Amino acid sequence: KPEDTAVYYCNARHRAFTSINYWGQG
């Protein structure tokens, strides 16, 4: 749908250390 228009980012969140997050460039 048109409302799906956005920059989409991949994310990884560590399961044991949840403050560790990684992001793609979009």
PDB file of all heavy atoms in Angstrom:
ATOM      1  N   LYS A   1       0.836  -1.186   0.000  1.00  0.00           N
ATOM      2  CA  LYS A   1       0.000   0.000   0.000  1.00  0.00           C
ATOM      3  C   LYS A   1       0.877   1.244   0.000  1.00  0.00           C
ATOM      4  O   LYS A   1       2.017   1.195   0.461  1.00  0.00           O
ATOM      5  CB  LYS A   1      -0.903   0.022   1.243  1.00  0.00           C
ATOM      6  CG  LYS A   1      -1.788  -1.198   1.403  1.00  0.00           C
ATOM      7  CD  LYS A   1      -2.553  -1.132   2.716  1.00  0.00           C
ATOM      8  CE  LYS A   1      -3.449  -2.333   2.893  1.00  0.00           C
ATOM      9  NZ  LYS A   1      -4.187  -2.271   4.189  1.00  0.00           N
ATOM     10  N   PRO A   2       0.357   2.373  -0.481  1.00  0.00           N
ATOM     11  CA  PRO A   2       1.153   3.605  -0.431  1.00  0.00           C
ATOM     12  C   PRO A   2       1.659   3.936   0.965  1.00  0.00           C
ATOM     13  O   PRO A   2       2.773   4.465   1.102  1.00  0.00           O
ATOM     14  CB  PRO A   2       0.184   4.666  -0.950  1.00  0.00           C
ATOM     15  CG  PRO A   2      -0.712   3.909  -1.875  1.00  0.00           C
ATOM     16  CD  PRO A   2      -0.894   2.566  -1.225  1.00  0.00           C
ATOM     17  N   GLU A   3       0.883   3.630   2.000  1.00  0.00           N
ATOM     18  CA  GLU A   3       1.310   3.922   3.357  1.00  0.00           C
ATOM     19  C   GLU A   3       2.453   3.037   3.841  1.00  0.00           C
ATOM     20  O   GLU A   3       2.992   3.262   4.922  1.00  0.00           O
ATOM     21  CB  GLU A   3       0.130   3.835   4.333  1.00  0.00           C
ATOM     22  CG  GLU A   3      -0.657   2.545   4.241  1.00  0.00           C
ATOM     23  CD  GLU A   3      -1.913   2.674   3.391  1.00  0.00           C
ATOM     24  OE1 GLU A   3      -1.823   3.262   2.290  1.00  0.00           O
ATOM     25  OE2 GLU A   3      -2.977   2.194   3.829  1.00  0.00           O
ATOM     26  N   ASP A   4       2.835   2.033   3.059  1.00  0.00           N
ATOM     27  CA  ASP A   4       4.018   1.241   3.364  1.00  0.00           C
ATOM     28  C   ASP A   4       5.301   1.933   2.934  1.00  0.00           C
ATOM     29  O   ASP A   4       6.397   1.439   3.233  1.00  0.00           O
ATOM     30  CB  ASP A   4       3.946  -0.132   2.695  1.00  0.00           C
ATOM     31  CG  ASP A   4       2.809  -0.985   3.220  1.00  0.00           C
ATOM     32  OD1 ASP A   4       2.576  -0.995   4.441  1.00  0.00           O
ATOM     33  OD2 ASP A   4       2.155  -1.653   2.397  1.00  0.00           O
ATOM     34  N   THR A   5       5.191   3.037   2.219  1.00  0.00           N
ATOM     35  CA  THR A   5       6.361   3.764   1.765  1.00  0.00           C
ATOM     36  C   THR A   5       7.188   4.236   2.955  1.00  0.00           C
ATOM     37  O   THR A   5       6.679   4.919   3.843  1.00  0.00           O
ATOM     38  CB  THR A   5       5.950   4.958   0.901  1.00  0.00           C
ATOM     39  OG1 THR A   5       5.301   4.490  -0.282  1.00  0.00           O
ATOM     40  CG2 THR A   5       7.160   5.790   0.505  1.00  0.00           C
ATOM     41  N   ALA A   6       8.460   3.862   2.981  1.00  0.00           N
ATOM     42  CA  ALA A   6       9.335   4.185   4.100  1.00  0.00           C
ATOM     43  C   ALA A   6      10.732   3.676   3.788  1.00  0.00           C
ATOM     44  O   ALA A   6      10.938   2.927   2.830  1.00  0.00           O
ATOM     45  CB  ALA A   6       8.830   3.551   5.400  1.00  0.00           C
ATOM     46  N   VAL A   7      11.675   4.077   4.622  1.00  0.00           N
ATOM     47  CA  VAL A   7      12.977   3.435   4.648  1.00  0.00           C
ATOM     48  C   VAL A   7      12.883   2.268   5.620  1.00  0.00           C
ATOM     49  O   VAL A   7      12.462   2.439   6.769  1.00  0.00           O
ATOM     50  CB  VAL A   7      14.092   4.400   5.074  1.00  0.00           C
ATOM     51  CG1 VAL A   7      15.434   3.669   5.148  1.00  0.00           C
ATOM     52  CG2 VAL A   7      14.182   5.567   4.097  1.00  0.00           C
ATOM     53  N   TYR A   8      13.257   1.097   5.165  1.00  0.00           N
ATOM     54  CA  TYR A   8      13.183  -0.114   5.963  1.00  0.00           C
ATOM     55  C   TYR A   8      14.563  -0.480   6.474  1.00  0.00           C
ATOM     56  O   TYR A   8      15.533  -0.516   5.709  1.00  0.00           O
ATOM     57  CB  TYR A   8      12.598  -1.266   5.139  1.00  0.00           C
ATOM     58  CG  TYR A   8      11.102  -1.150   4.965  1.00  0.00           C
ATOM     59  CD1 TYR A   8      10.560  -0.179   4.138  1.00  0.00           C
ATOM     60  CD2 TYR A   8      10.237  -2.007   5.644  1.00  0.00           C
ATOM     61  CE1 TYR A   8       9.186  -0.055   3.991  1.00  0.00           C
ATOM     62  CE2 TYR A   8       8.868  -1.896   5.502  1.00  0.00           C
ATOM     63  CZ  TYR A   8       8.348  -0.918   4.673  1.00  0.00           C
ATOM     64  OH  TYR A   8       6.978  -0.808   4.527  1.00  0.00           O
ATOM     65  N   TYR A   9      14.643  -0.770   7.777  1.00  0.00           N
ATOM     66  CA  TYR A   9      15.903  -1.058   8.443  1.00  0.00           C
ATOM     67  C   TYR A   9      15.889  -2.456   9.049  1.00  0.00           C
ATOM     68  O   TYR A   9      14.917  -2.852   9.691  1.00  0.00           O
ATOM     69  CB  TYR A   9      16.163  -0.059   9.577  1.00  0.00           C
ATOM     70  CG  TYR A   9      16.311   1.370   9.124  1.00  0.00           C
ATOM     71  CD1 TYR A   9      15.208   2.208   9.050  1.00  0.00           C
ATOM     72  CD2 TYR A   9      17.558   1.885   8.784  1.00  0.00           C
ATOM     73  CE1 TYR A   9      15.342   3.525   8.649  1.00  0.00           C
ATOM     74  CE2 TYR A   9      17.700   3.199   8.383  1.00  0.00           C
ATOM     75  CZ  TYR A   9      16.590   4.011   8.319  1.00  0.00           C
ATOM     76  OH  TYR A   9      16.717   5.318   7.926  1.00  0.00           O
ATOM     77  N   CYS A  10      16.972  -3.154   8.877  1.00  0.00           N
ATOM     78  CA  CYS A  10      17.192  -4.432   9.532  1.00  0.00           C
ATOM     79  C   CYS A  10      17.792  -4.195  10.911  1.00  0.00           C
ATOM     80  O   CYS A  10      18.629  -3.307  11.089  1.00  0.00           O
ATOM     81  CB  CYS A  10      18.130  -5.286   8.679  1.00  0.00           C
ATOM     82  SG  CYS A  10      18.471  -6.932   9.318  1.00  0.00           S
ATOM     83  N   ASN A  11      17.370  -4.991  11.885  1.00  0.00           N
ATOM     84  CA  ASN A  11      17.840  -4.845  13.262  1.00  0.00           C
ATOM     85  C   ASN A  11      18.166  -6.204  13.863  1.00  0.00           C
ATOM     86  O   ASN A  11      17.460  -7.183  13.619  1.00  0.00           O
ATOM     87  CB  ASN A  11      16.775  -4.151  14.114  1.00  0.00           C
ATOM     88  CG  ASN A  11      17.096  -4.169  15.594  1.00  0.00           C
ATOM     89  OD1 ASN A  11      16.568  -4.984  16.360  1.00  0.00           O
ATOM     90  ND2 ASN A  11      17.970  -3.262  16.016  1.00  0.00           N
ATOM     91  N   ALA A  12      19.223  -6.242  14.657  1.00  0.00           N
ATOM     92  CA  ALA A  12      19.594  -7.425  15.428  1.00  0.00           C
ATOM     93  C   ALA A  12      19.740  -7.030  16.881  1.00  0.00           C
ATOM     94  O   ALA A  12      20.470  -6.086  17.199  1.00  0.00           O
ATOM     95  CB  ALA A  12      20.894  -8.034  14.900  1.00  0.00           C
ATOM     96  N   ARG A  13      19.049  -7.739  17.767  1.00  0.00           N
ATOM     97  CA  ARG A  13      19.100  -7.478  19.203  1.00  0.00           C
ATOM     98  C   ARG A  13      19.592  -8.729  19.907  1.00  0.00           C
ATOM     99  O   ARG A  13      18.977  -9.792  19.775  1.00  0.00           O
ATOM    100  CB  ARG A  13      17.722  -7.063  19.725  1.00  0.00           C
ATOM    101  CG  ARG A  13      17.710  -6.694  21.206  1.00  0.00           C
ATOM    102  CD  ARG A  13      16.366  -6.100  21.629  1.00  0.00           C
ATOM    103  NE  ARG A  13      15.299  -7.088  21.630  1.00  0.00           N
ATOM    104  CZ  ARG A  13      14.329  -7.158  20.738  1.00  0.00           C
ATOM    105  NH1 ARG A  13      14.277  -6.276  19.740  1.00  0.00           N
ATOM    106  NH2 ARG A  13      13.402  -8.093  20.832  1.00  0.00           N
ATOM    107  N   HIS A  14      20.674  -8.589  20.674  1.00  0.00           N
ATOM    108  CA  HIS A  14      21.255  -9.739  21.343  1.00  0.00           C
ATOM    109  C   HIS A  14      20.284 -10.287  22.374  1.00  0.00           C
ATOM    110  O   HIS A  14      19.705  -9.540  23.160  1.00  0.00           O
ATOM    111  CB  HIS A  14      22.575  -9.331  22.013  1.00  0.00           C
ATOM    112  CG  HIS A  14      23.489 -10.471  22.316  1.00  0.00           C
ATOM    113  ND1 HIS A  14      23.258 -11.335  23.362  1.00  0.00           N
ATOM    114  CD2 HIS A  14      24.619 -10.897  21.702  1.00  0.00           C
ATOM    115  CE1 HIS A  14      24.226 -12.238  23.387  1.00  0.00           C
ATOM    116  NE2 HIS A  14      25.056 -11.992  22.398  1.00  0.00           N
ATOM    117  N   ARG A  15      20.115 -11.582  22.398  1.00  0.00           N
ATOM    118  CA  ARG A  15      19.146 -12.189  23.298  1.00  0.00           C
ATOM    119  C   ARG A  15      19.622 -12.198  24.744  1.00  0.00           C
ATOM    120  O   ARG A  15      18.802 -12.099  25.664  1.00  0.00           O
ATOM    121  CB  ARG A  15      18.812 -13.608  22.844  1.00  0.00           C
ATOM    122  CG  ARG A  15      18.156 -13.665  21.468  1.00  0.00           C
ATOM    123  CD  ARG A  15      17.467 -14.982  21.242  1.00  0.00           C
ATOM    124  NE  ARG A  15      16.334 -15.156  22.150  1.00  0.00           N
ATOM    125  CZ  ARG A  15      15.603 -16.255  22.238  1.00  0.00           C
ATOM    126  NH1 ARG A  15      15.888 -17.292  21.456  1.00  0.00           N
ATOM    127  NH2 ARG A  15      14.595 -16.327  23.093  1.00  0.00           N
ATOM    128  N   ALA A  16      20.921 -12.305  24.991  1.00  0.00           N
ATOM    129  CA  ALA A  16      21.465 -12.322  26.345  1.00  0.00           C
ATOM    130  C   ALA A  16      21.801 -10.926  26.850  1.00  0.00           C
ATOM    131  O   ALA A  16      21.648 -10.642  28.046  1.00  0.00           O
ATOM    132  CB  ALA A  16      22.703 -13.211  26.412  1.00  0.00           C
ATOM    133  N   PHE A  17      22.264 -10.063  25.964  1.00  0.00           N
ATOM    134  CA  PHE A  17      22.624  -8.691  26.309  1.00  0.00           C
ATOM    135  C   PHE A  17      21.771  -7.771  25.449  1.00  0.00           C
ATOM    136  O   PHE A  17      22.192  -7.329  24.371  1.00  0.00           O
ATOM    137  CB  PHE A  17      24.114  -8.444  26.097  1.00  0.00           C
ATOM    138  CG  PHE A  17      24.983  -9.367  26.896  1.00  0.00           C
ATOM    139  CD1 PHE A  17      25.498 -10.521  26.335  1.00  0.00           C
ATOM    140  CD2 PHE A  17      25.278  -9.081  28.219  1.00  0.00           C
ATOM    141  CE1 PHE A  17      26.290 -11.377  27.080  1.00  0.00           C
ATOM    142  CE2 PHE A  17      26.075  -9.927  28.972  1.00  0.00           C
ATOM    143  CZ  PHE A  17      26.578 -11.079  28.401  1.00  0.00           C
ATOM    144  N   THR A  18      20.583  -7.487  25.939  1.00  0.00           N
ATOM    145  CA  THR A  18      19.571  -6.846  25.111  1.00  0.00           C
ATOM    146  C   THR A  18      19.891  -5.409  24.754  1.00  0.00           C
ATOM    147  O   THR A  18      19.262  -4.856  23.849  1.00  0.00           O
ATOM    148  CB  THR A  18      18.194  -6.913  25.782  1.00  0.00           C
ATOM    149  OG1 THR A  18      18.261  -6.306  27.074  1.00  0.00           O
ATOM    150  CG2 THR A  18      17.748  -8.365  25.927  1.00  0.00           C
ATOM    151  N   SER A  19      20.852  -4.793  25.452  1.00  0.00           N
ATOM    152  CA  SER A  19      21.255  -3.445  25.084  1.00  0.00           C
ATOM    153  C   SER A  19      22.105  -3.420  23.827  1.00  0.00           C
ATOM    154  O   SER A  19      22.323  -2.342  23.261  1.00  0.00           O
ATOM    155  CB  SER A  19      22.022  -2.776  26.230  1.00  0.00           C
ATOM    156  OG  SER A  19      23.229  -3.456  26.499  1.00  0.00           O
ATOM    157  N   ILE A  20      22.559  -4.568  23.379  1.00  0.00           N
ATOM    158  CA  ILE A  20      23.368  -4.646  22.169  1.00  0.00           C
ATOM    159  C   ILE A  20      22.434  -4.731  20.974  1.00  0.00           C
ATOM    160  O   ILE A  20      21.699  -5.710  20.816  1.00  0.00           O
ATOM    161  CB  ILE A  20      24.323  -5.847  22.199  1.00  0.00           C
ATOM    162  CG1 ILE A  20      25.294  -5.714  23.374  1.00  0.00           C
ATOM    163  CG2 ILE A  20      25.081  -5.968  20.885  1.00  0.00           C
ATOM    164  CD1 ILE A  20      26.217  -6.909  23.545  1.00  0.00           C
ATOM    165  N   ASN A  21      22.446  -3.696  20.170  1.00  0.00           N
ATOM    166  CA  ASN A  21      21.613  -3.603  18.986  1.00  0.00           C
ATOM    167  C   ASN A  21      22.462  -3.197  17.792  1.00  0.00           C
ATOM    168  O   ASN A  21      23.332  -2.330  17.897  1.00  0.00           O
ATOM    169  CB  ASN A  21      20.498  -2.566  19.168  1.00  0.00           C
ATOM    170  CG  ASN A  21      19.300  -3.120  19.897  1.00  0.00           C
ATOM    171  OD1 ASN A  21      18.402  -3.697  19.278  1.00  0.00           O
ATOM    172  ND2 ASN A  21      19.283  -2.942  21.209  1.00  0.00           N
ATOM    173  N   TYR A  22      22.182  -3.815  16.660  1.00  0.00           N
ATOM    174  CA  TYR A  22      22.838  -3.466  15.412  1.00  0.00           C
ATOM    175  C   TYR A  22      21.786  -3.094  14.385  1.00  0.00           C
ATOM    176  O   TYR A  22      20.698  -3.676  14.345  1.00  0.00           O
ATOM    177  CB  TYR A  22      23.690  -4.622  14.895  1.00  0.00           C
ATOM    178  CG  TYR A  22      24.764  -5.063  15.862  1.00  0.00           C
ATOM    179  CD1 TYR A  22      24.653  -6.263  16.549  1.00  0.00           C
ATOM    180  CD2 TYR A  22      25.889  -4.274  16.081  1.00  0.00           C
ATOM    181  CE1 TYR A  22      25.633  -6.671  17.433  1.00  0.00           C
ATOM    182  CE2 TYR A  22      26.871  -4.670  16.971  1.00  0.00           C
ATOM    183  CZ  TYR A  22      26.739  -5.870  17.642  1.00  0.00           C
ATOM    184  OH  TYR A  22      27.719  -6.267  18.523  1.00  0.00           O
ATOM    185  N   TRP A  23      22.130  -2.139  13.549  1.00  0.00           N
ATOM    186  CA  TRP A  23      21.216  -1.632  12.534  1.00  0.00           C
ATOM    187  C   TRP A  23      21.876  -1.629  11.170  1.00  0.00           C
ATOM    188  O   TRP A  23      23.068  -1.346  11.033  1.00  0.00           O
ATOM    189  CB  TRP A  23      20.779  -0.200  12.856  1.00  0.00           C
ATOM    190  CG  TRP A  23      19.941  -0.075  14.083  1.00  0.00           C
ATOM    191  CD1 TRP A  23      20.375   0.155  15.353  1.00  0.00           C
ATOM    192  CD2 TRP A  23      18.516  -0.165  14.148  1.00  0.00           C
ATOM    193  NE1 TRP A  23      19.303   0.212  16.214  1.00  0.00           N
ATOM    194  CE2 TRP A  23      18.152   0.024  15.503  1.00  0.00           C
ATOM    195  CE3 TRP A  23      17.516  -0.377  13.198  1.00  0.00           C
ATOM    196  CZ2 TRP A  23      16.822  -0.007  15.920  1.00  0.00           C
ATOM    197  CZ3 TRP A  23      16.199  -0.408  13.620  1.00  0.00           C
ATOM    198  CH2 TRP A  23      15.866  -0.221  14.967  1.00  0.00           C
ATOM    199  N   GLY A  24      21.085  -1.920  10.166  1.00  0.00           N
ATOM    200  CA  GLY A  24      21.530  -1.737   8.801  1.00  0.00           C
ATOM    201  C   GLY A  24      21.386  -0.294   8.372  1.00  0.00           C
ATOM    202  O   GLY A  24      20.882   0.562   9.112  1.00  0.00           O
ATOM    203  N   GLN A  25      21.820  -0.020   7.160  1.00  0.00           N
ATOM    204  CA  GLN A  25      21.803   1.348   6.652  1.00  0.00           C
ATOM    205  C   GLN A  25      20.444   1.759   6.108  1.00  0.00           C
ATOM    206  O   GLN A  25      20.203   2.952   5.892  1.00  0.00           O
ATOM    207  CB  GLN A  25      22.872   1.512   5.558  1.00  0.00           C
ATOM    208  CG  GLN A  25      22.462   1.057   4.159  1.00  0.00           C
ATOM    209  CD  GLN A  25      22.337  -0.445   3.999  1.00  0.00           C
ATOM    210  OE1 GLN A  25      22.779  -1.225   4.842  1.00  0.00           O
ATOM    211  NE2 GLN A  25      21.721  -0.862   2.901  1.00  0.00           N
ATOM    212  N   GLY A  26      19.575   0.813   5.882  1.00  0.00           N
ATOM    213  CA  GLY A  26      18.242   1.087   5.377  1.00  0.00           C
ATOM    214  C   GLY A  26      18.136   0.936   3.876  1.00  0.00           C
ATOM    215  O   GLY A  26      19.103   1.129   3.135  1.00  0.00           O
TER     216      GLY A  26
END
